[in-house]
């Protein structure tokens, strides 16, 4: 499986029940089929990064905390089939939400 196959399966799994918009797409066929796609999905920005060499995919959610040093939070890392079967199904059922435990704790401003 390369990135384009993963992207097509992911979008096909979501398109019947969730409205989404493709924001950004990068595909590097010379790098073992690696790529990255960013979507606006259920009011949140998500990013899918596929590493063709290790056949591993990572799903990132944009951190809603604008002052955070971590702009993206990793919510899934694993095999592409698991992303399609499990995560895409969960995204269809509910809006993606960040758990409080995954967010960095806010710091008090220095004076």
N, C-alpha and C. Protein backbone atom coordinates (compact mmCIF):
# COMPACT_ATOMS: atom_id res chain seq x y z
N UNK A 1 0.85 -1.17 0.00
CA UNK A 1 0.00 0.00 0.00
C UNK A 1 0.89 1.23 0.00
N UNK A 2 0.57 2.19 -0.86
CA UNK A 2 1.29 3.45 -0.84
C UNK A 2 0.35 4.55 -0.31
N UNK A 3 0.85 5.76 -0.27
CA UNK A 3 0.09 6.85 0.32
C UNK A 3 -1.21 7.14 -0.43
N UNK A 4 -1.18 7.09 -1.75
CA UNK A 4 -2.38 7.39 -2.52
C UNK A 4 -3.48 6.37 -2.26
N UNK A 5 -3.11 5.09 -2.11
CA UNK A 5 -4.10 4.06 -1.76
C UNK A 5 -4.69 4.34 -0.38
N UNK A 6 -3.83 4.67 0.57
CA UNK A 6 -4.28 4.98 1.92
C UNK A 6 -5.23 6.17 1.92
N UNK A 7 -4.88 7.21 1.22
CA UNK A 7 -5.71 8.42 1.15
C UNK A 7 -7.07 8.11 0.54
N UNK A 8 -7.09 7.35 -0.55
CA UNK A 8 -8.36 7.00 -1.19
C UNK A 8 -9.25 6.18 -0.27
N UNK A 9 -8.68 5.19 0.41
CA UNK A 9 -9.47 4.36 1.33
C UNK A 9 -10.00 5.19 2.50
N UNK A 10 -9.16 6.06 3.04
CA UNK A 10 -9.56 6.91 4.16
C UNK A 10 -10.72 7.82 3.75
N UNK A 11 -10.61 8.47 2.61
CA UNK A 11 -11.67 9.36 2.14
C UNK A 11 -12.95 8.61 1.80
N UNK A 12 -12.82 7.43 1.19
CA UNK A 12 -14.01 6.63 0.87
C UNK A 12 -14.74 6.18 2.12
N UNK A 13 -14.00 5.90 3.17
CA UNK A 13 -14.60 5.46 4.43
C UNK A 13 -15.40 6.61 5.09
N UNK A 14 -14.94 7.85 4.89
CA UNK A 14 -15.55 9.00 5.54
C UNK A 14 -16.61 9.71 4.71
N UNK A 15 -16.53 9.63 3.41
CA UNK A 15 -17.31 10.54 2.56
C UNK A 15 -18.82 10.38 2.66
N UNK A 16 -19.33 9.25 3.07
CA UNK A 16 -20.77 9.07 3.16
C UNK A 16 -21.39 9.72 4.39
N UNK A 17 -20.63 9.86 5.47
CA UNK A 17 -21.24 10.32 6.71
C UNK A 17 -20.64 11.60 7.29
N UNK A 18 -19.44 11.98 6.90
CA UNK A 18 -18.79 13.15 7.47
C UNK A 18 -18.36 14.09 6.35
N UNK A 19 -18.61 15.37 6.56
CA UNK A 19 -18.16 16.36 5.59
C UNK A 19 -16.72 16.72 5.91
N UNK A 20 -15.86 16.66 4.91
CA UNK A 20 -14.46 17.01 5.12
C UNK A 20 -13.94 17.77 3.90
N UNK A 21 -12.83 18.45 4.12
CA UNK A 21 -12.22 19.25 3.05
C UNK A 21 -10.72 18.97 3.06
N UNK A 22 -10.17 18.67 1.90
CA UNK A 22 -8.73 18.46 1.77
C UNK A 22 -8.04 19.82 1.76
N UNK A 23 -7.14 20.05 2.71
CA UNK A 23 -6.45 21.32 2.83
C UNK A 23 -5.08 21.30 2.18
N UNK A 24 -4.38 20.18 2.30
CA UNK A 24 -3.00 20.11 1.84
C UNK A 24 -2.69 18.66 1.46
N UNK A 25 -1.90 18.48 0.41
CA UNK A 25 -1.53 17.14 -0.03
C UNK A 25 -0.10 17.16 -0.55
N UNK A 26 0.74 16.29 -0.01
CA UNK A 26 2.11 16.11 -0.48
C UNK A 26 2.34 14.63 -0.68
N UNK A 27 2.84 14.26 -1.85
CA UNK A 27 3.11 12.85 -2.15
C UNK A 27 4.50 12.76 -2.75
N UNK A 28 5.30 11.83 -2.23
CA UNK A 28 6.67 11.65 -2.69
C UNK A 28 6.85 10.21 -3.18
N UNK A 29 6.54 9.93 -4.44
CA UNK A 29 6.66 8.56 -4.93
C UNK A 29 8.11 8.06 -4.92
N UNK A 30 9.07 8.95 -5.02
CA UNK A 30 10.48 8.58 -4.99
C UNK A 30 10.94 8.20 -3.59
N UNK A 31 10.15 8.50 -2.57
CA UNK A 31 10.49 8.18 -1.18
C UNK A 31 9.62 7.01 -0.68
N UNK A 32 9.59 5.95 -1.48
CA UNK A 32 8.85 4.72 -1.14
C UNK A 32 7.36 4.98 -0.92
N UNK A 33 6.81 5.93 -1.64
CA UNK A 33 5.37 6.18 -1.57
C UNK A 33 4.92 6.95 -0.34
N UNK A 34 5.80 7.71 0.28
CA UNK A 34 5.45 8.47 1.47
C UNK A 34 4.62 9.70 1.09
N UNK A 35 3.86 10.21 2.07
CA UNK A 35 3.07 11.40 1.80
C UNK A 35 2.42 11.95 3.04
N UNK A 36 1.74 13.12 2.87
CA UNK A 36 1.06 13.79 3.95
C UNK A 36 -0.18 14.46 3.39
N UNK A 37 -1.28 14.37 4.14
CA UNK A 37 -2.52 15.05 3.77
C UNK A 37 -3.11 15.70 5.01
N UNK A 38 -3.64 16.90 4.84
CA UNK A 38 -4.30 17.61 5.94
C UNK A 38 -5.75 17.84 5.54
N UNK A 39 -6.65 17.65 6.51
CA UNK A 39 -8.09 17.77 6.27
C UNK A 39 -8.73 18.68 7.31
N UNK A 40 -9.80 19.32 6.92
CA UNK A 40 -10.70 19.99 7.86
C UNK A 40 -11.86 19.03 8.01
N UNK A 41 -12.05 18.51 9.22
CA UNK A 41 -13.01 17.45 9.47
C UNK A 41 -13.75 17.74 10.77
N UNK A 42 -15.05 17.91 10.68
CA UNK A 42 -15.89 18.15 11.87
C UNK A 42 -15.39 19.33 12.69
N UNK A 43 -14.96 20.38 12.00
CA UNK A 43 -14.52 21.58 12.70
C UNK A 43 -13.10 21.52 13.24
N UNK A 44 -12.38 20.44 12.99
CA UNK A 44 -11.01 20.28 13.47
C UNK A 44 -10.09 20.03 12.29
N UNK A 45 -8.84 20.36 12.45
CA UNK A 45 -7.84 20.09 11.42
C UNK A 45 -7.09 18.83 11.82
N UNK A 46 -7.03 17.86 10.90
CA UNK A 46 -6.28 16.64 11.14
C UNK A 46 -5.24 16.48 10.05
N UNK A 47 -4.19 15.75 10.38
CA UNK A 47 -3.11 15.51 9.43
C UNK A 47 -2.77 14.02 9.46
N UNK A 48 -2.61 13.45 8.27
CA UNK A 48 -2.20 12.05 8.13
C UNK A 48 -0.83 12.04 7.48
N UNK A 49 0.13 11.40 8.14
CA UNK A 49 1.49 11.29 7.60
C UNK A 49 1.80 9.81 7.41
N UNK A 50 2.18 9.44 6.19
CA UNK A 50 2.48 8.05 5.87
C UNK A 50 3.96 7.91 5.56
N UNK A 51 4.63 6.98 6.25
CA UNK A 51 6.04 6.67 6.02
C UNK A 51 6.08 5.38 5.22
N UNK A 52 6.45 5.48 3.96
CA UNK A 52 6.46 4.31 3.08
C UNK A 52 7.53 3.30 3.42
N UNK A 53 8.63 3.73 3.99
CA UNK A 53 9.72 2.81 4.31
C UNK A 53 9.33 1.84 5.43
N UNK A 54 8.72 2.35 6.48
CA UNK A 54 8.33 1.49 7.60
C UNK A 54 6.87 1.06 7.52
N UNK A 55 6.14 1.52 6.49
CA UNK A 55 4.72 1.22 6.32
C UNK A 55 3.94 1.57 7.59
N UNK A 56 4.16 2.80 8.05
CA UNK A 56 3.53 3.27 9.28
C UNK A 56 2.84 4.61 9.00
N UNK A 57 1.68 4.78 9.61
CA UNK A 57 0.92 6.01 9.44
C UNK A 57 0.72 6.67 10.80
N UNK A 58 0.68 8.01 10.78
CA UNK A 58 0.50 8.78 12.00
C UNK A 58 -0.65 9.76 11.77
N UNK A 59 -1.57 9.81 12.73
CA UNK A 59 -2.71 10.73 12.66
C UNK A 59 -2.51 11.80 13.73
N UNK A 60 -2.52 13.06 13.30
CA UNK A 60 -2.30 14.19 14.21
C UNK A 60 -3.53 15.08 14.21
N UNK A 61 -3.84 15.63 15.38
CA UNK A 61 -4.92 16.61 15.52
C UNK A 61 -4.29 17.96 15.87
N UNK A 62 -4.84 19.02 15.29
CA UNK A 62 -4.36 20.35 15.62
C UNK A 62 -4.72 20.66 17.07
N UNK A 63 -3.78 21.21 17.79
CA UNK A 63 -3.99 21.56 19.19
C UNK A 63 -4.78 22.86 19.24
N UNK A 64 -5.93 22.87 19.92
CA UNK A 64 -6.75 24.08 19.95
C UNK A 64 -6.14 25.21 20.80
N UNK A 65 -5.16 24.87 21.63
CA UNK A 65 -4.52 25.85 22.48
C UNK A 65 -3.49 26.62 21.66
N UNK A 66 -3.81 27.85 21.30
CA UNK A 66 -2.97 28.65 20.39
C UNK A 66 -1.60 28.97 20.99
N UNK A 67 -1.50 29.01 22.30
CA UNK A 67 -0.24 29.39 22.94
C UNK A 67 0.67 28.18 23.20
N UNK A 68 0.23 27.03 22.83
CA UNK A 68 1.01 25.83 23.09
C UNK A 68 2.23 25.76 22.18
N UNK A 69 3.30 25.16 22.68
CA UNK A 69 4.47 24.93 21.86
C UNK A 69 4.30 23.70 20.97
N UNK A 70 3.30 22.90 21.26
CA UNK A 70 3.01 21.71 20.46
C UNK A 70 1.80 21.98 19.58
N UNK A 71 2.00 22.34 18.32
CA UNK A 71 0.85 22.66 17.48
C UNK A 71 0.03 21.44 17.08
N UNK A 72 0.62 20.25 17.10
CA UNK A 72 -0.07 19.02 16.73
C UNK A 72 0.06 17.98 17.84
N UNK A 73 -1.00 17.20 18.03
CA UNK A 73 -1.00 16.14 19.03
C UNK A 73 -1.21 14.81 18.30
N UNK A 74 -0.32 13.85 18.52
CA UNK A 74 -0.43 12.54 17.89
C UNK A 74 -1.50 11.74 18.60
N UNK A 75 -2.50 11.26 17.85
CA UNK A 75 -3.57 10.46 18.44
C UNK A 75 -3.53 9.01 17.97
N UNK A 76 -2.80 8.74 16.90
CA UNK A 76 -2.67 7.37 16.41
C UNK A 76 -1.35 7.23 15.68
N UNK A 77 -0.68 6.09 15.90
CA UNK A 77 0.52 5.75 15.17
C UNK A 77 0.53 4.24 15.02
N UNK A 78 0.55 3.78 13.79
CA UNK A 78 0.53 2.34 13.58
C UNK A 78 0.39 1.96 12.13
N UNK A 79 -0.15 0.77 11.89
CA UNK A 79 -0.30 0.22 10.55
C UNK A 79 -1.46 0.92 9.82
N UNK A 80 -1.32 1.15 8.51
CA UNK A 80 -2.39 1.83 7.76
C UNK A 80 -3.74 1.13 7.82
N UNK A 81 -3.76 -0.19 7.86
CA UNK A 81 -5.02 -0.92 7.92
C UNK A 81 -5.77 -0.62 9.22
N UNK A 82 -5.03 -0.48 10.31
CA UNK A 82 -5.66 -0.14 11.59
C UNK A 82 -6.26 1.26 11.54
N UNK A 83 -5.59 2.18 10.87
CA UNK A 83 -6.14 3.53 10.73
C UNK A 83 -7.46 3.47 9.97
N UNK A 84 -7.48 2.76 8.88
CA UNK A 84 -8.70 2.68 8.06
C UNK A 84 -9.83 2.00 8.82
N UNK A 85 -9.55 0.89 9.45
CA UNK A 85 -10.60 0.10 10.11
C UNK A 85 -11.10 0.73 11.41
N UNK A 86 -10.21 1.25 12.22
CA UNK A 86 -10.60 1.71 13.55
C UNK A 86 -10.80 3.22 13.64
N UNK A 87 -9.81 3.97 13.29
CA UNK A 87 -9.85 5.41 13.49
C UNK A 87 -10.85 6.08 12.56
N UNK A 88 -10.87 5.68 11.29
CA UNK A 88 -11.81 6.29 10.35
C UNK A 88 -13.24 6.03 10.78
N UNK A 89 -13.52 4.86 11.32
CA UNK A 89 -14.85 4.54 11.82
C UNK A 89 -15.21 5.42 13.01
N UNK A 90 -14.26 5.64 13.92
CA UNK A 90 -14.52 6.50 15.08
C UNK A 90 -14.73 7.95 14.66
N UNK A 91 -13.99 8.41 13.65
CA UNK A 91 -14.16 9.78 13.18
C UNK A 91 -15.53 9.97 12.55
N UNK A 92 -16.07 8.93 11.95
CA UNK A 92 -17.41 9.02 11.36
C UNK A 92 -18.47 9.13 12.44
N UNK A 93 -18.28 8.43 13.56
CA UNK A 93 -19.30 8.37 14.60
C UNK A 93 -19.32 9.61 15.48
N UNK A 94 -18.17 10.12 15.83
CA UNK A 94 -18.10 11.28 16.74
C UNK A 94 -17.10 12.28 16.22
N UNK A 95 -17.23 13.49 16.71
CA UNK A 95 -16.24 14.51 16.37
C UNK A 95 -14.94 14.17 17.09
N UNK A 96 -13.81 14.37 16.42
CA UNK A 96 -12.55 14.11 17.10
C UNK A 96 -12.36 15.08 18.26
N UNK A 97 -11.98 14.56 19.39
CA UNK A 97 -11.78 15.41 20.57
C UNK A 97 -10.44 15.07 21.21
N UNK A 98 -9.81 16.07 21.72
CA UNK A 98 -8.58 15.85 22.44
C UNK A 98 -8.90 15.59 23.90
N UNK A 99 -8.24 14.62 24.46
CA UNK A 99 -8.40 14.36 25.89
C UNK A 99 -7.50 15.35 26.64
N UNK A 100 -7.96 15.73 27.80
CA UNK A 100 -7.20 16.70 28.60
C UNK A 100 -5.81 16.16 28.94
N UNK A 101 -5.68 14.86 29.07
CA UNK A 101 -4.38 14.29 29.43
C UNK A 101 -3.37 14.41 28.30
N UNK A 102 -3.82 14.58 27.06
CA UNK A 102 -2.88 14.68 25.95
C UNK A 102 -2.40 16.10 25.71
N UNK A 103 -3.08 17.07 26.30
CA UNK A 103 -2.69 18.46 26.10
C UNK A 103 -1.62 18.87 27.10
N UNK A 104 -0.68 19.70 26.66
CA UNK A 104 0.31 20.18 27.62
C UNK A 104 -0.34 21.13 28.62
N UNK A 105 0.18 21.13 29.83
CA UNK A 105 -0.38 21.99 30.86
C UNK A 105 0.01 23.44 30.57
N UNK A 106 -0.94 24.38 30.73
CA UNK A 106 -0.61 25.78 30.46
C UNK A 106 0.38 26.32 31.48
N UNK A 107 1.25 27.19 31.00
CA UNK A 107 2.23 27.81 31.89
C UNK A 107 1.78 29.21 32.25
N UNK A 108 2.17 29.63 33.44
CA UNK A 108 1.86 30.99 33.87
C UNK A 108 2.84 31.94 33.20
N UNK A 109 2.35 33.08 32.71
CA UNK A 109 3.27 34.03 32.05
C UNK A 109 4.26 34.62 33.05
N UNK A 110 5.49 34.81 32.58
CA UNK A 110 6.53 35.43 33.41
C UNK A 110 6.35 36.94 33.37
N UNK A 111 6.58 37.55 34.50
CA UNK A 111 6.45 39.02 34.57
C UNK A 111 7.77 39.65 34.83
